[in-house]
Amino acid sequence: MIGVFGGTFDPVHYGHLRSALEVKELFGLDEVRLIPCKLPPHRDQPDATPTMRLDMLQIAIQDQSGLVVDARELNRDGPSYMVDTLQSLREDFPKHPLLLFIGSDAFEKLLSWHRWQELFDFAHVVVLIRPGYALANVDTFFLARLVVNQSELSSSLAGRVFFQPVTQLDISATAIREMIARKQSPRFLLPDGVIKYIHQNRLYQTH
């Protein structure tokens, strides 16, 4: 099984990295592909350039096996729709179950995603939740695809919804950018190599 973990990563921080590592181990994944978004359709454009965000990701995971930086959205023109990304991954990995990992906030907005129903043609959707998270007002489309046994994800290539409690570190990329703009140290929120890169390239100096 292959995990798919998208985001702007502006900058990548330990909240992203801890979740990626944790789901790799929890689900016994072959790898987790971290996919930086080029043109996010639902939010402001990232502060750092695509190349810089890619560089920071590569620095962050250089010593961690099983985490892979995937630049396919950066190499594609137009808005970075996840359905296109999953279709591309399915072509590359026709026999592997794909697990798209999203947070509970993203799941609650999933009905607004571009061609959202087609996501399930290409992957399972795994919603990362805090322990004790209460489901509310879940659409019948998702309830019909909900599974509670993790093994059901490995027995089919796509189409299921699964909720997985994880350790969620309360770290915000927005807060990190604001901290750097105020000339405060973001150390222990993201890897030292990424902080060094940010300083060398004078990223996030103003906000």
N, C-alpha and C. Protein backbone atom coordinates (compact mmCIF):
# COMPACT_ATOMS: atom_id res chain seq x y z
N MET A 1 0.85 -1.20 0.00
CA MET A 1 0.00 0.00 0.00
C MET A 1 0.88 1.25 0.00
N ILE A 2 0.38 2.27 -0.66
CA ILE A 2 1.12 3.53 -0.78
C ILE A 2 0.28 4.66 -0.20
N GLY A 3 0.90 5.46 0.66
CA GLY A 3 0.23 6.60 1.25
C GLY A 3 0.44 7.86 0.43
N VAL A 4 -0.57 8.72 0.42
CA VAL A 4 -0.52 9.98 -0.31
C VAL A 4 -0.81 11.10 0.68
N PHE A 5 0.14 12.02 0.81
CA PHE A 5 0.04 13.07 1.82
C PHE A 5 0.34 14.40 1.12
N GLY A 6 -0.71 15.14 0.79
CA GLY A 6 -0.52 16.40 0.08
C GLY A 6 -0.55 17.60 1.01
N GLY A 7 -0.08 18.73 0.50
CA GLY A 7 -0.08 19.96 1.29
C GLY A 7 0.75 21.03 0.61
N THR A 8 0.65 22.24 1.10
CA THR A 8 1.51 23.30 0.56
C THR A 8 2.92 23.21 1.15
N PHE A 9 3.03 22.73 2.38
CA PHE A 9 4.34 22.59 3.05
C PHE A 9 5.10 23.92 2.99
N ASP A 10 4.48 24.95 3.56
CA ASP A 10 5.00 26.32 3.44
C ASP A 10 5.21 26.97 4.81
N PRO A 11 6.16 26.47 5.61
CA PRO A 11 7.13 25.40 5.35
C PRO A 11 6.66 24.06 5.93
N VAL A 12 7.34 22.98 5.53
CA VAL A 12 7.11 21.69 6.15
C VAL A 12 7.53 21.76 7.62
N HIS A 13 6.78 21.09 8.50
CA HIS A 13 7.12 21.13 9.93
C HIS A 13 6.87 19.77 10.56
N TYR A 14 7.13 19.66 11.86
CA TYR A 14 7.04 18.36 12.52
C TYR A 14 5.61 17.82 12.58
N GLY A 15 4.62 18.69 12.50
CA GLY A 15 3.25 18.19 12.45
C GLY A 15 3.03 17.34 11.21
N HIS A 16 3.52 17.83 10.05
CA HIS A 16 3.43 17.04 8.82
C HIS A 16 4.23 15.75 8.94
N LEU A 17 5.47 15.89 9.38
CA LEU A 17 6.41 14.77 9.35
C LEU A 17 6.01 13.67 10.33
N ARG A 18 5.55 14.07 11.52
CA ARG A 18 5.15 13.07 12.51
C ARG A 18 3.93 12.28 12.01
N SER A 19 2.96 12.96 11.41
CA SER A 19 1.78 12.28 10.89
C SER A 19 2.17 11.31 9.78
N ALA A 20 3.05 11.74 8.88
CA ALA A 20 3.46 10.88 7.77
C ALA A 20 4.16 9.62 8.27
N LEU A 21 5.05 9.78 9.24
CA LEU A 21 5.76 8.63 9.78
C LEU A 21 4.81 7.71 10.53
N GLU A 22 3.90 8.29 11.30
CA GLU A 22 2.99 7.50 12.11
C GLU A 22 2.07 6.64 11.23
N VAL A 23 1.52 7.22 10.16
CA VAL A 23 0.62 6.43 9.32
C VAL A 23 1.39 5.37 8.53
N LYS A 24 2.63 5.66 8.19
CA LYS A 24 3.43 4.65 7.50
C LYS A 24 3.54 3.40 8.37
N GLU A 25 3.79 3.61 9.66
CA GLU A 25 3.95 2.48 10.57
C GLU A 25 2.60 1.84 10.92
N LEU A 26 1.58 2.65 11.16
CA LEU A 26 0.27 2.12 11.54
C LEU A 26 -0.33 1.23 10.45
N PHE A 27 -0.13 1.61 9.19
CA PHE A 27 -0.76 0.89 8.08
C PHE A 27 0.22 -0.05 7.37
N GLY A 28 1.46 -0.10 7.83
CA GLY A 28 2.44 -0.96 7.19
C GLY A 28 2.66 -0.61 5.73
N LEU A 29 2.76 0.67 5.43
CA LEU A 29 2.85 1.13 4.04
C LEU A 29 4.23 0.89 3.44
N ASP A 30 4.24 0.66 2.14
CA ASP A 30 5.51 0.57 1.44
C ASP A 30 6.22 1.93 1.45
N GLU A 31 5.45 3.00 1.29
CA GLU A 31 6.00 4.34 1.32
C GLU A 31 4.87 5.35 1.49
N VAL A 32 5.23 6.53 1.92
CA VAL A 32 4.31 7.67 1.96
C VAL A 32 4.88 8.73 1.03
N ARG A 33 4.08 9.15 0.06
CA ARG A 33 4.52 10.15 -0.90
C ARG A 33 4.01 11.52 -0.47
N LEU A 34 4.95 12.41 -0.15
CA LEU A 34 4.64 13.78 0.25
C LEU A 34 4.59 14.62 -1.03
N ILE A 35 3.42 15.20 -1.30
CA ILE A 35 3.20 15.85 -2.59
C ILE A 35 2.90 17.33 -2.38
N PRO A 36 3.90 18.19 -2.61
CA PRO A 36 3.64 19.63 -2.46
C PRO A 36 2.74 20.15 -3.56
N CYS A 37 1.80 20.99 -3.15
CA CYS A 37 0.80 21.56 -4.04
C CYS A 37 1.38 22.80 -4.75
N LYS A 38 1.16 22.89 -6.06
CA LYS A 38 1.66 24.05 -6.80
C LYS A 38 0.70 25.22 -6.71
N LEU A 39 -0.55 25.00 -7.09
CA LEU A 39 -1.58 26.05 -7.08
C LEU A 39 -2.78 25.55 -6.29
N PRO A 40 -2.79 25.77 -4.97
CA PRO A 40 -3.91 25.28 -4.16
C PRO A 40 -5.21 25.96 -4.54
N PRO A 41 -6.27 25.18 -4.85
CA PRO A 41 -7.52 25.80 -5.28
C PRO A 41 -8.34 26.42 -4.16
N HIS A 42 -8.08 26.04 -2.89
CA HIS A 42 -8.95 26.46 -1.79
C HIS A 42 -8.27 27.42 -0.80
N ARG A 43 -7.12 27.96 -1.15
CA ARG A 43 -6.45 28.84 -0.20
C ARG A 43 -5.52 29.79 -0.95
N ASP A 44 -4.94 30.76 -0.22
CA ASP A 44 -4.03 31.72 -0.83
C ASP A 44 -2.78 30.99 -1.36
N GLN A 45 -2.12 31.65 -2.29
CA GLN A 45 -0.90 31.06 -2.84
C GLN A 45 0.20 31.03 -1.76
N PRO A 46 1.01 29.99 -1.74
CA PRO A 46 2.08 29.90 -0.75
C PRO A 46 3.07 31.06 -0.85
N ASP A 47 3.70 31.38 0.29
CA ASP A 47 4.70 32.44 0.31
C ASP A 47 5.97 32.02 -0.42
N ALA A 48 6.44 30.82 -0.17
CA ALA A 48 7.66 30.31 -0.80
C ALA A 48 7.36 29.77 -2.19
N THR A 49 8.35 29.83 -3.07
CA THR A 49 8.16 29.32 -4.43
C THR A 49 8.03 27.79 -4.40
N PRO A 50 7.46 27.21 -5.45
CA PRO A 50 7.39 25.75 -5.52
C PRO A 50 8.75 25.07 -5.35
N THR A 51 9.78 25.63 -5.99
CA THR A 51 11.12 25.03 -5.88
C THR A 51 11.62 25.08 -4.45
N MET A 52 11.39 26.17 -3.76
CA MET A 52 11.86 26.29 -2.37
C MET A 52 11.11 25.33 -1.45
N ARG A 53 9.81 25.18 -1.66
CA ARG A 53 9.04 24.25 -0.82
C ARG A 53 9.47 22.81 -1.08
N LEU A 54 9.81 22.51 -2.33
CA LEU A 54 10.32 21.19 -2.67
C LEU A 54 11.67 20.96 -2.00
N ASP A 55 12.55 21.96 -2.06
CA ASP A 55 13.85 21.85 -1.41
C ASP A 55 13.71 21.59 0.08
N MET A 56 12.81 22.32 0.75
CA MET A 56 12.64 22.15 2.19
C MET A 56 12.13 20.76 2.54
N LEU A 57 11.22 20.22 1.72
CA LEU A 57 10.72 18.87 1.94
C LEU A 57 11.85 17.85 1.82
N GLN A 58 12.67 18.01 0.80
CA GLN A 58 13.77 17.07 0.59
C GLN A 58 14.77 17.12 1.73
N ILE A 59 15.03 18.31 2.24
CA ILE A 59 15.91 18.45 3.41
C ILE A 59 15.30 17.74 4.62
N ALA A 60 13.99 17.91 4.80
CA ALA A 60 13.32 17.41 6.00
C ALA A 60 13.31 15.89 6.07
N ILE A 61 13.23 15.21 4.93
CA ILE A 61 13.06 13.75 4.98
C ILE A 61 14.32 13.00 4.53
N GLN A 62 15.44 13.69 4.38
CA GLN A 62 16.61 13.06 3.78
C GLN A 62 17.12 11.85 4.57
N ASP A 63 16.86 11.80 5.86
CA ASP A 63 17.35 10.68 6.67
C ASP A 63 16.24 9.71 7.06
N GLN A 64 15.06 9.83 6.47
CA GLN A 64 13.94 8.98 6.85
C GLN A 64 13.52 8.08 5.69
N SER A 65 13.78 6.80 5.80
CA SER A 65 13.39 5.88 4.75
C SER A 65 11.86 5.72 4.75
N GLY A 66 11.32 5.48 3.57
CA GLY A 66 9.88 5.26 3.44
C GLY A 66 9.08 6.51 3.20
N LEU A 67 9.68 7.68 3.37
CA LEU A 67 9.03 8.94 3.02
C LEU A 67 9.65 9.44 1.72
N VAL A 68 8.80 9.75 0.74
CA VAL A 68 9.26 10.10 -0.60
C VAL A 68 8.65 11.43 -1.02
N VAL A 69 9.49 12.35 -1.53
CA VAL A 69 8.98 13.60 -2.07
C VAL A 69 8.55 13.37 -3.51
N ASP A 70 7.34 13.77 -3.83
CA ASP A 70 6.75 13.55 -5.16
C ASP A 70 6.39 14.91 -5.74
N ALA A 71 7.02 15.29 -6.84
CA ALA A 71 6.87 16.64 -7.40
C ALA A 71 5.87 16.72 -8.54
N ARG A 72 5.00 15.73 -8.69
CA ARG A 72 4.14 15.71 -9.87
C ARG A 72 3.19 16.90 -9.96
N GLU A 73 2.72 17.43 -8.83
CA GLU A 73 1.83 18.60 -8.90
C GLU A 73 2.60 19.85 -9.30
N LEU A 74 3.86 19.93 -8.91
CA LEU A 74 4.67 21.09 -9.28
C LEU A 74 4.99 21.08 -10.77
N ASN A 75 5.00 19.90 -11.36
CA ASN A 75 5.33 19.76 -12.78
C ASN A 75 4.11 19.82 -13.69
N ARG A 76 2.94 20.05 -13.09
CA ARG A 76 1.69 20.06 -13.86
C ARG A 76 1.12 21.47 -13.91
N ASP A 77 0.65 21.88 -15.05
CA ASP A 77 0.07 23.21 -15.20
C ASP A 77 -1.35 23.24 -14.61
N GLY A 78 -1.78 24.44 -14.26
CA GLY A 78 -3.14 24.63 -13.77
C GLY A 78 -3.27 24.35 -12.29
N PRO A 79 -4.49 24.49 -11.76
CA PRO A 79 -4.73 24.23 -10.33
C PRO A 79 -4.36 22.80 -9.95
N SER A 80 -3.90 22.62 -8.71
CA SER A 80 -3.45 21.30 -8.25
C SER A 80 -4.63 20.54 -7.64
N TYR A 81 -5.42 19.91 -8.50
CA TYR A 81 -6.56 19.14 -8.04
C TYR A 81 -6.11 17.74 -7.64
N MET A 82 -6.52 17.30 -6.45
CA MET A 82 -6.09 16.00 -5.95
C MET A 82 -6.59 14.86 -6.82
N VAL A 83 -7.75 15.01 -7.44
CA VAL A 83 -8.28 13.92 -8.27
C VAL A 83 -7.34 13.65 -9.44
N ASP A 84 -6.73 14.69 -10.01
CA ASP A 84 -5.76 14.51 -11.10
C ASP A 84 -4.50 13.82 -10.59
N THR A 85 -4.10 14.18 -9.39
CA THR A 85 -2.91 13.58 -8.79
C THR A 85 -3.12 12.10 -8.53
N LEU A 86 -4.28 11.75 -7.98
CA LEU A 86 -4.57 10.35 -7.70
C LEU A 86 -4.69 9.54 -8.99
N GLN A 87 -5.27 10.13 -10.02
CA GLN A 87 -5.37 9.43 -11.30
C GLN A 87 -3.98 9.14 -11.86
N SER A 88 -3.08 10.11 -11.73
CA SER A 88 -1.70 9.93 -12.18
C SER A 88 -0.99 8.85 -11.38
N LEU A 89 -1.20 8.85 -10.05
CA LEU A 89 -0.59 7.83 -9.20
C LEU A 89 -1.13 6.45 -9.52
N ARG A 90 -2.43 6.37 -9.80
CA ARG A 90 -3.03 5.08 -10.15
C ARG A 90 -2.39 4.51 -11.41
N GLU A 91 -2.07 5.39 -12.36
CA GLU A 91 -1.40 4.93 -13.58
C GLU A 91 0.00 4.40 -13.27
N ASP A 92 0.67 5.02 -12.31
CA ASP A 92 2.02 4.59 -11.94
C ASP A 92 2.00 3.33 -11.08
N PHE A 93 0.95 3.17 -10.27
CA PHE A 93 0.87 2.04 -9.33
C PHE A 93 -0.47 1.32 -9.51
N PRO A 94 -0.65 0.62 -10.63
CA PRO A 94 -1.96 0.04 -10.94
C PRO A 94 -2.40 -1.08 -10.00
N LYS A 95 -1.47 -1.68 -9.28
CA LYS A 95 -1.82 -2.83 -8.45
C LYS A 95 -1.69 -2.57 -6.95
N HIS A 96 -1.38 -1.34 -6.57
CA HIS A 96 -1.21 -1.00 -5.16
C HIS A 96 -2.43 -0.24 -4.64
N PRO A 97 -2.99 -0.63 -3.51
CA PRO A 97 -3.98 0.24 -2.86
C PRO A 97 -3.35 1.59 -2.54
N LEU A 98 -4.07 2.66 -2.83
CA LEU A 98 -3.60 4.02 -2.51
C LEU A 98 -4.43 4.55 -1.35
N LEU A 99 -3.76 5.12 -0.36
CA LEU A 99 -4.43 5.70 0.81
C LEU A 99 -4.17 7.20 0.82
N LEU A 100 -5.22 7.99 0.57
CA LEU A 100 -5.11 9.44 0.64
C LEU A 100 -5.38 9.87 2.08
N PHE A 101 -4.39 10.47 2.71
CA PHE A 101 -4.53 10.92 4.09
C PHE A 101 -4.91 12.40 4.12
N ILE A 102 -5.99 12.70 4.84
CA ILE A 102 -6.41 14.09 5.02
C ILE A 102 -6.80 14.30 6.48
N GLY A 103 -6.74 15.53 6.92
CA GLY A 103 -7.15 15.86 8.27
C GLY A 103 -8.67 16.00 8.38
N SER A 104 -9.16 16.05 9.60
CA SER A 104 -10.60 16.15 9.81
C SER A 104 -11.16 17.46 9.25
N ASP A 105 -10.38 18.54 9.32
CA ASP A 105 -10.85 19.82 8.77
C ASP A 105 -11.05 19.72 7.26
N ALA A 106 -10.10 19.07 6.59
CA ALA A 106 -10.22 18.90 5.14
C ALA A 106 -11.38 17.98 4.80
N PHE A 107 -11.59 16.95 5.61
CA PHE A 107 -12.68 16.02 5.34
C PHE A 107 -14.04 16.74 5.42
N GLU A 108 -14.17 17.65 6.37
CA GLU A 108 -15.43 18.36 6.52
C GLU A 108 -15.73 19.28 5.33
N LYS A 109 -14.69 19.58 4.52
CA LYS A 109 -14.87 20.42 3.33
C LYS A 109 -14.76 19.62 2.04
N LEU A 110 -14.72 18.29 2.16
CA LEU A 110 -14.43 17.46 0.99
C LEU A 110 -15.48 17.61 -0.12
N LEU A 111 -16.71 17.90 0.26
CA LEU A 111 -17.77 18.04 -0.75
C LEU A 111 -17.53 19.23 -1.68
N SER A 112 -16.63 20.12 -1.30
CA SER A 112 -16.32 21.28 -2.15
C SER A 112 -15.12 21.02 -3.05
N TRP A 113 -14.48 19.87 -2.91
CA TRP A 113 -13.30 19.57 -3.73
C TRP A 113 -13.72 19.29 -5.18
N HIS A 114 -12.83 19.58 -6.09
CA HIS A 114 -13.06 19.35 -7.52
C HIS A 114 -13.24 17.85 -7.79
N ARG A 115 -14.38 17.49 -8.39
CA ARG A 115 -14.68 16.09 -8.75
C ARG A 115 -14.42 15.15 -7.57
N TRP A 116 -14.93 15.54 -6.40
CA TRP A 116 -14.58 14.84 -5.17
C TRP A 116 -15.02 13.38 -5.18
N GLN A 117 -16.13 13.08 -5.83
CA GLN A 117 -16.59 11.69 -5.83
C GLN A 117 -15.62 10.76 -6.56
N GLU A 118 -14.89 11.32 -7.53
CA GLU A 118 -13.95 10.51 -8.30
C GLU A 118 -12.69 10.16 -7.51
N LEU A 119 -12.46 10.85 -6.41
CA LEU A 119 -11.32 10.48 -5.57
C LEU A 119 -11.36 9.00 -5.21
N PHE A 120 -12.58 8.51 -4.98
CA PHE A 120 -12.76 7.14 -4.52
C PHE A 120 -12.62 6.11 -5.63
N ASP A 121 -12.53 6.58 -6.88
CA ASP A 121 -12.23 5.68 -7.98
C ASP A 121 -10.76 5.28 -7.98
N PHE A 122 -9.94 6.12 -7.35
CA PHE A 122 -8.50 5.92 -7.42
C PHE A 122 -7.85 5.56 -6.08
N ALA A 123 -8.50 5.89 -4.97
CA ALA A 123 -7.86 5.70 -3.66
C ALA A 123 -8.89 5.50 -2.56
N HIS A 124 -8.44 4.98 -1.44
CA HIS A 124 -9.18 5.05 -0.19
C HIS A 124 -8.90 6.42 0.43
N VAL A 125 -9.82 6.93 1.22
CA VAL A 125 -9.60 8.18 1.95
C VAL A 125 -9.51 7.84 3.44
N VAL A 126 -8.37 8.17 4.04
CA VAL A 126 -8.15 7.94 5.46
C VAL A 126 -8.12 9.30 6.15
N VAL A 127 -9.05 9.50 7.07
CA VAL A 127 -9.18 10.77 7.77
C VAL A 127 -8.43 10.67 9.09
N LEU A 128 -7.45 11.55 9.26
CA LEU A 128 -6.64 11.56 10.47
C LEU A 128 -7.34 12.42 11.51
N ILE A 129 -7.66 11.82 12.64
CA ILE A 129 -8.44 12.51 13.67
C ILE A 129 -7.72 12.47 15.00
N ARG A 130 -8.08 13.39 15.86
CA ARG A 130 -7.60 13.35 17.24
C ARG A 130 -8.35 12.26 17.99
N PRO A 131 -7.70 11.59 18.93
CA PRO A 131 -8.42 10.60 19.75
C PRO A 131 -9.65 11.24 20.39
N GLY A 132 -10.79 10.57 20.30
CA GLY A 132 -12.02 11.10 20.86
C GLY A 132 -12.81 11.99 19.93
N TYR A 133 -12.31 12.18 18.69
CA TYR A 133 -13.02 13.01 17.71
C TYR A 133 -14.41 12.43 17.46
N ALA A 134 -15.41 13.28 17.45
CA ALA A 134 -16.80 12.83 17.26
C ALA A 134 -17.25 13.16 15.84
N LEU A 135 -17.72 12.14 15.13
CA LEU A 135 -18.25 12.34 13.79
C LEU A 135 -19.62 13.00 13.87
N ALA A 136 -19.86 13.95 12.99
CA ALA A 136 -21.15 14.63 12.99
C ALA A 136 -21.53 14.98 11.56
N ASN A 137 -22.78 14.77 11.23
CA ASN A 137 -23.31 15.15 9.92
C ASN A 137 -22.50 14.59 8.76
N VAL A 138 -22.16 13.29 8.84
CA VAL A 138 -21.40 12.66 7.78
C VAL A 138 -22.33 12.32 6.62
N ASP A 139 -21.95 12.72 5.42
CA ASP A 139 -22.77 12.50 4.23
C ASP A 139 -22.98 11.00 4.00
N THR A 140 -24.16 10.66 3.50
CA THR A 140 -24.48 9.24 3.26
C THR A 140 -23.52 8.61 2.25
N PHE A 141 -22.96 9.41 1.34
CA PHE A 141 -21.98 8.89 0.38
C PHE A 141 -20.80 8.28 1.12
N PHE A 142 -20.35 8.96 2.20
CA PHE A 142 -19.21 8.47 2.96
C PHE A 142 -19.61 7.31 3.87
N LEU A 143 -20.79 7.39 4.46
CA LEU A 143 -21.24 6.32 5.35
C LEU A 143 -21.33 4.99 4.60
N ALA A 144 -21.72 5.04 3.34
CA ALA A 144 -21.84 3.82 2.55
C ALA A 144 -20.47 3.19 2.26
N ARG A 145 -19.41 3.99 2.39
CA ARG A 145 -18.06 3.51 2.10
C ARG A 145 -17.21 3.34 3.35
N LEU A 146 -17.80 3.62 4.50
CA LEU A 146 -17.07 3.59 5.76
C LEU A 146 -16.73 2.16 6.15
N VAL A 147 -15.47 1.92 6.53
CA VAL A 147 -15.04 0.63 7.07
C VAL A 147 -14.38 0.89 8.42
N VAL A 148 -14.47 -0.09 9.30
CA VAL A 148 -13.88 0.05 10.63
C VAL A 148 -12.73 -0.91 10.84
N ASN A 149 -12.51 -1.78 9.88
CA ASN A 149 -11.41 -2.74 9.96
C ASN A 149 -10.33 -2.33 8.96
N GLN A 150 -9.15 -2.05 9.48
CA GLN A 150 -8.06 -1.58 8.63
C GLN A 150 -7.72 -2.56 7.52
N SER A 151 -7.91 -3.84 7.76
CA SER A 151 -7.55 -4.85 6.76
C SER A 151 -8.36 -4.72 5.48
N GLU A 152 -9.54 -4.09 5.57
CA GLU A 152 -10.37 -3.92 4.38
C GLU A 152 -9.74 -2.95 3.38
N LEU A 153 -8.79 -2.14 3.83
CA LEU A 153 -8.13 -1.20 2.93
C LEU A 153 -7.12 -1.92 2.04
N SER A 154 -6.50 -2.97 2.56
CA SER A 154 -5.50 -3.69 1.77
C SER A 154 -6.13 -4.72 0.82
N SER A 155 -7.40 -5.02 1.03
CA SER A 155 -8.05 -6.04 0.21
C SER A 155 -8.69 -5.48 -1.06
N SER A 156 -8.67 -4.14 -1.21
CA SER A 156 -9.18 -3.51 -2.43
C SER A 156 -8.31 -2.30 -2.76
N LEU A 157 -8.37 -1.85 -4.00
CA LEU A 157 -7.47 -0.79 -4.44
C LEU A 157 -7.94 0.61 -4.04
N ALA A 158 -9.26 0.79 -3.87
CA ALA A 158 -9.79 2.13 -3.66
C ALA A 158 -11.25 2.04 -3.20
N GLY A 159 -11.80 3.21 -2.81
CA GLY A 159 -13.23 3.30 -2.61
C GLY A 159 -13.74 3.35 -1.19
N ARG A 160 -12.87 3.21 -0.19
CA ARG A 160 -13.31 3.15 1.19
C ARG A 160 -12.97 4.44 1.95
N VAL A 161 -13.66 4.62 3.09
CA VAL A 161 -13.35 5.70 4.03
C VAL A 161 -13.00 5.06 5.37
N PHE A 162 -11.93 5.54 5.98
CA PHE A 162 -11.47 4.99 7.26
C PHE A 162 -11.02 6.15 8.14
N PHE A 163 -11.37 6.09 9.42
CA PHE A 163 -10.96 7.13 10.36
C PHE A 163 -9.87 6.58 11.27
N GLN A 164 -8.74 7.30 11.33
CA GLN A 164 -7.59 6.84 12.09
C GLN A 164 -7.14 7.89 13.11
N PRO A 165 -7.25 7.59 14.42
CA PRO A 165 -6.69 8.51 15.42
C PRO A 165 -5.17 8.54 15.32
N VAL A 166 -4.60 9.72 15.39
CA VAL A 166 -3.14 9.87 15.36
C VAL A 166 -2.73 10.95 16.36
N THR A 167 -1.44 10.98 16.64
CA THR A 167 -0.88 12.04 17.46
C THR A 167 -0.80 13.30 16.60
N GLN A 168 -1.62 14.28 16.89
CA GLN A 168 -1.63 15.50 16.09
C GLN A 168 -0.94 16.62 16.86
N LEU A 169 0.21 17.03 16.34
CA LEU A 169 0.96 18.12 16.97
C LEU A 169 0.34 19.44 16.54
N ASP A 170 0.07 20.29 17.51
CA ASP A 170 -0.60 21.55 17.24
C ASP A 170 0.42 22.57 16.74
N ILE A 171 0.88 22.34 15.51
CA ILE A 171 1.87 23.21 14.88
C ILE A 171 1.27 23.76 13.60
N SER A 172 1.39 25.05 13.40
CA SER A 172 0.80 25.73 12.25
C SER A 172 1.88 26.37 11.40
N ALA A 173 1.85 26.10 10.09
CA ALA A 173 2.79 26.76 9.19
C ALA A 173 2.58 28.27 9.21
N THR A 174 1.32 28.69 9.32
CA THR A 174 1.04 30.12 9.40
C THR A 174 1.71 30.74 10.62
N ALA A 175 1.59 30.08 11.76
CA ALA A 175 2.21 30.59 12.99
C ALA A 175 3.73 30.63 12.85
N ILE A 176 4.31 29.64 12.19
CA ILE A 176 5.76 29.61 11.98
C ILE A 176 6.19 30.80 11.12
N ARG A 177 5.47 31.06 10.05
CA ARG A 177 5.81 32.19 9.19
C ARG A 177 5.72 33.51 9.95
N GLU A 178 4.68 33.65 10.77
CA GLU A 178 4.52 34.87 11.56
C GLU A 178 5.63 35.00 12.59
N MET A 179 6.03 33.89 13.17
CA MET A 179 7.10 33.88 14.16
C MET A 179 8.42 34.36 13.53
N ILE A 180 8.71 33.85 12.33
CA ILE A 180 9.94 34.25 11.64
C ILE A 180 9.89 35.72 11.28
N ALA A 181 8.73 36.20 10.85
CA ALA A 181 8.58 37.62 10.50
C ALA A 181 8.82 38.51 11.72
N ARG A 182 8.48 37.99 12.92
CA ARG A 182 8.72 38.75 14.16
C ARG A 182 10.12 38.52 14.71
N LYS A 183 10.94 37.79 13.94
CA LYS A 183 12.34 37.50 14.32
C LYS A 183 12.42 36.64 15.59
N GLN A 184 11.42 35.79 15.78
CA GLN A 184 11.45 34.81 16.86
C GLN A 184 11.93 33.47 16.30
N SER A 185 12.49 32.65 17.17
CA SER A 185 13.03 31.37 16.73
C SER A 185 11.93 30.31 16.61
N PRO A 186 11.88 29.60 15.46
CA PRO A 186 10.93 28.51 15.31
C PRO A 186 11.54 27.15 15.65
N ARG A 187 12.66 27.16 16.31
CA ARG A 187 13.35 25.90 16.58
C ARG A 187 12.45 24.95 17.39
N PHE A 188 12.58 23.66 17.13
CA PHE A 188 11.82 22.56 17.72
C PHE A 188 10.40 22.45 17.14
N LEU A 189 10.06 23.31 16.17
CA LEU A 189 8.79 23.17 15.46
C LEU A 189 8.98 22.54 14.09
N LEU A 190 10.21 22.61 13.57
CA LEU A 190 10.54 22.05 12.27
C LEU A 190 12.03 21.71 12.26
N PRO A 191 12.47 20.88 11.31
CA PRO A 191 13.87 20.43 11.33
C PRO A 191 14.86 21.59 11.22
N ASP A 192 15.99 21.42 11.89
CA ASP A 192 17.02 22.46 11.87
C ASP A 192 17.50 22.75 10.45
N GLY A 193 17.59 21.71 9.61
CA GLY A 193 18.02 21.93 8.23
C GLY A 193 17.07 22.81 7.45
N VAL A 194 15.78 22.69 7.75
CA VAL A 194 14.78 23.54 7.09
C VAL A 194 14.90 24.98 7.59
N ILE A 195 15.12 25.13 8.89
CA ILE A 195 15.31 26.49 9.45
C ILE A 195 16.52 27.16 8.81
N LYS A 196 17.59 26.40 8.65
CA LYS A 196 18.81 26.95 8.02
C LYS A 196 18.51 27.40 6.60
N TYR A 197 17.76 26.59 5.87
CA TYR A 197 17.40 26.93 4.49
C TYR A 197 16.55 28.20 4.46
N ILE A 198 15.60 28.32 5.39
CA ILE A 198 14.75 29.50 5.46
C ILE A 198 15.59 30.76 5.69
N HIS A 199 16.55 30.68 6.61
CA HIS A 199 17.40 31.85 6.89
C HIS A 199 18.30 32.18 5.71
N GLN A 200 18.87 31.14 5.08
CA GLN A 200 19.76 31.37 3.95
C GLN A 200 19.04 32.05 2.79
N ASN A 201 17.78 31.72 2.62
CA ASN A 201 17.01 32.27 1.50
C ASN A 201 16.10 33.43 1.90
N ARG A 202 16.23 33.84 3.17
CA ARG A 202 15.48 35.00 3.69
C ARG A 202 13.98 34.85 3.44
N LEU A 203 13.49 33.65 3.71
CA LEU A 203 12.05 33.38 3.55
C LEU A 203 11.27 33.90 4.76
N TYR A 204 10.04 34.31 4.48
CA TYR A 204 9.07 34.67 5.53
C TYR A 204 9.56 35.84 6.39
N GLN A 205 10.41 36.71 5.84
CA GLN A 205 10.93 37.84 6.63
C GLN A 205 9.85 38.87 6.94
N THR A 206 8.89 38.98 6.05
CA THR A 206 7.76 39.87 6.29
C THR A 206 6.49 39.07 6.09
N HIS A 207 5.41 39.47 6.74
CA HIS A 207 4.16 38.73 6.63
C HIS A 207 3.01 39.72 6.48
